[in-house]
Amino acid sequence: MRSIDPRHAWSTGFARTIAEELRHGVATGAVTWSEADELLNRLRTVIDQALDVHPQPL
């Protein structure tokens, strides 16, 4: 049996939560699909900037 990488489990859960919240926002009329798409694009930018793909050694 393969062990699950906790980072993979966390990122999958995070992505599902974001998708669910965006769908809920559209369903309730809080945001349009266009606004939800823009929010997702901005969130991607923030996450990309927060992640350091080449961490410096300690």
C-alpha atoms as a PDB file:
ATOM      1  CA  MET A   1       0.000   0.000   0.000  1.00  0.00           C
ATOM      2  CA  ARG A   2       1.266   3.470  -0.873  1.00  0.00           C
ATOM      3  CA  SER A   3       1.481   6.124   1.807  1.00  0.00           C
ATOM      4  CA  ILE A   4      -0.188   9.433   1.023  1.00  0.00           C
ATOM      5  CA  ASP A   5       2.009  12.509   0.884  1.00  0.00           C
ATOM      6  CA  PRO A   6       0.488  14.985   3.374  1.00  0.00           C
ATOM      7  CA  ARG A   7       1.313  17.869   1.024  1.00  0.00           C
ATOM      8  CA  HIS A   8      -0.681  16.225  -1.750  1.00  0.00           C
ATOM      9  CA  ALA A   9      -3.618  15.587   0.577  1.00  0.00           C
ATOM     10  CA  TRP A  10      -3.533  19.188   1.807  1.00  0.00           C
ATOM     11  CA  SER A  11      -3.296  20.725  -1.661  1.00  0.00           C
ATOM     12  CA  THR A  12      -6.094  18.507  -2.986  1.00  0.00           C
ATOM     13  CA  GLY A  13      -8.317  19.480  -0.058  1.00  0.00           C
ATOM     14  CA  PHE A  14      -7.452  23.139  -0.535  1.00  0.00           C
ATOM     15  CA  ALA A  15      -8.312  23.039  -4.245  1.00  0.00           C
ATOM     16  CA  ARG A  16     -11.623  21.302  -3.534  1.00  0.00           C
ATOM     17  CA  THR A  17     -12.495  23.845  -0.857  1.00  0.00           C
ATOM     18  CA  ILE A  18     -11.766  26.780  -3.166  1.00  0.00           C
ATOM     19  CA  ALA A  19     -13.822  25.214  -5.976  1.00  0.00           C
ATOM     20  CA  GLU A  20     -16.726  24.534  -3.609  1.00  0.00           C
ATOM     21  CA  GLU A  21     -16.678  28.070  -2.234  1.00  0.00           C
ATOM     22  CA  LEU A  22     -16.589  29.595  -5.714  1.00  0.00           C
ATOM     23  CA  ARG A  23     -19.486  27.414  -6.886  1.00  0.00           C
ATOM     24  CA  HIS A  24     -21.443  28.338  -3.765  1.00  0.00           C
ATOM     25  CA  GLY A  25     -20.751  32.029  -4.343  1.00  0.00           C
ATOM     26  CA  VAL A  26     -22.062  31.794  -7.891  1.00  0.00           C
ATOM     27  CA  ALA A  27     -25.086  29.709  -6.849  1.00  0.00           C
ATOM     28  CA  THR A  28     -26.101  32.270  -4.231  1.00  0.00           C
ATOM     29  CA  GLY A  29     -25.508  35.210  -6.537  1.00  0.00           C
ATOM     30  CA  ALA A  30     -22.685  36.624  -4.439  1.00  0.00           C
ATOM     31  CA  VAL A  31     -20.385  36.555  -7.480  1.00  0.00           C
ATOM     32  CA  THR A  32     -20.734  35.890 -11.186  1.00  0.00           C
ATOM     33  CA  TRP A  33     -18.807  33.176 -13.010  1.00  0.00           C
ATOM     34  CA  SER A  34     -16.623  35.904 -14.467  1.00  0.00           C
ATOM     35  CA  GLU A  35     -15.863  37.293 -11.005  1.00  0.00           C
ATOM     36  CA  ALA A  36     -15.199  33.798  -9.668  1.00  0.00           C
ATOM     37  CA  ASP A  37     -12.756  33.206 -12.518  1.00  0.00           C
ATOM     38  CA  GLU A  38     -10.986  36.494 -11.746  1.00  0.00           C
ATOM     39  CA  LEU A  39     -10.768  35.604  -8.038  1.00  0.00           C
ATOM     40  CA  LEU A  40      -9.259  32.238  -8.942  1.00  0.00           C
ATOM     41  CA  ASN A  41      -6.691  33.863 -11.229  1.00  0.00           C
ATOM     42  CA  ARG A  42      -5.681  36.305  -8.502  1.00  0.00           C
ATOM     43  CA  LEU A  43      -5.420  33.496  -5.962  1.00  0.00           C
ATOM     44  CA  ARG A  44      -3.137  31.575  -8.333  1.00  0.00           C
ATOM     45  CA  THR A  45      -0.881  34.618  -8.563  1.00  0.00           C
ATOM     46  CA  VAL A  46      -0.691  34.983  -4.781  1.00  0.00           C
ATOM     47  CA  ILE A  47       0.065  31.287  -4.321  1.00  0.00           C
ATOM     48  CA  ASP A  48       2.703  31.315  -7.061  1.00  0.00           C
ATOM     49  CA  GLN A  49       4.412  34.275  -5.407  1.00  0.00           C
ATOM     50  CA  ALA A  50       4.233  32.644  -1.980  1.00  0.00           C
ATOM     51  CA  LEU A  51       5.838  29.407  -3.157  1.00  0.00           C
ATOM     52  CA  ASP A  52       9.583  29.373  -3.473  1.00  0.00           C
ATOM     53  CA  VAL A  53      10.389  26.682  -6.011  1.00  0.00           C
ATOM     54  CA  HIS A  54      14.127  27.055  -5.362  1.00  0.00           C
ATOM     55  CA  PRO A  55      14.490  27.322  -1.571  1.00  0.00           C
ATOM     56  CA  GLN A  56      17.794  28.569  -0.282  1.00  0.00           C
ATOM     57  CA  PRO A  57      19.818  26.103   1.814  1.00  0.00           C
ATOM     58  CA  LEU A  58      19.936  26.814   5.534  1.00  0.00           C
END
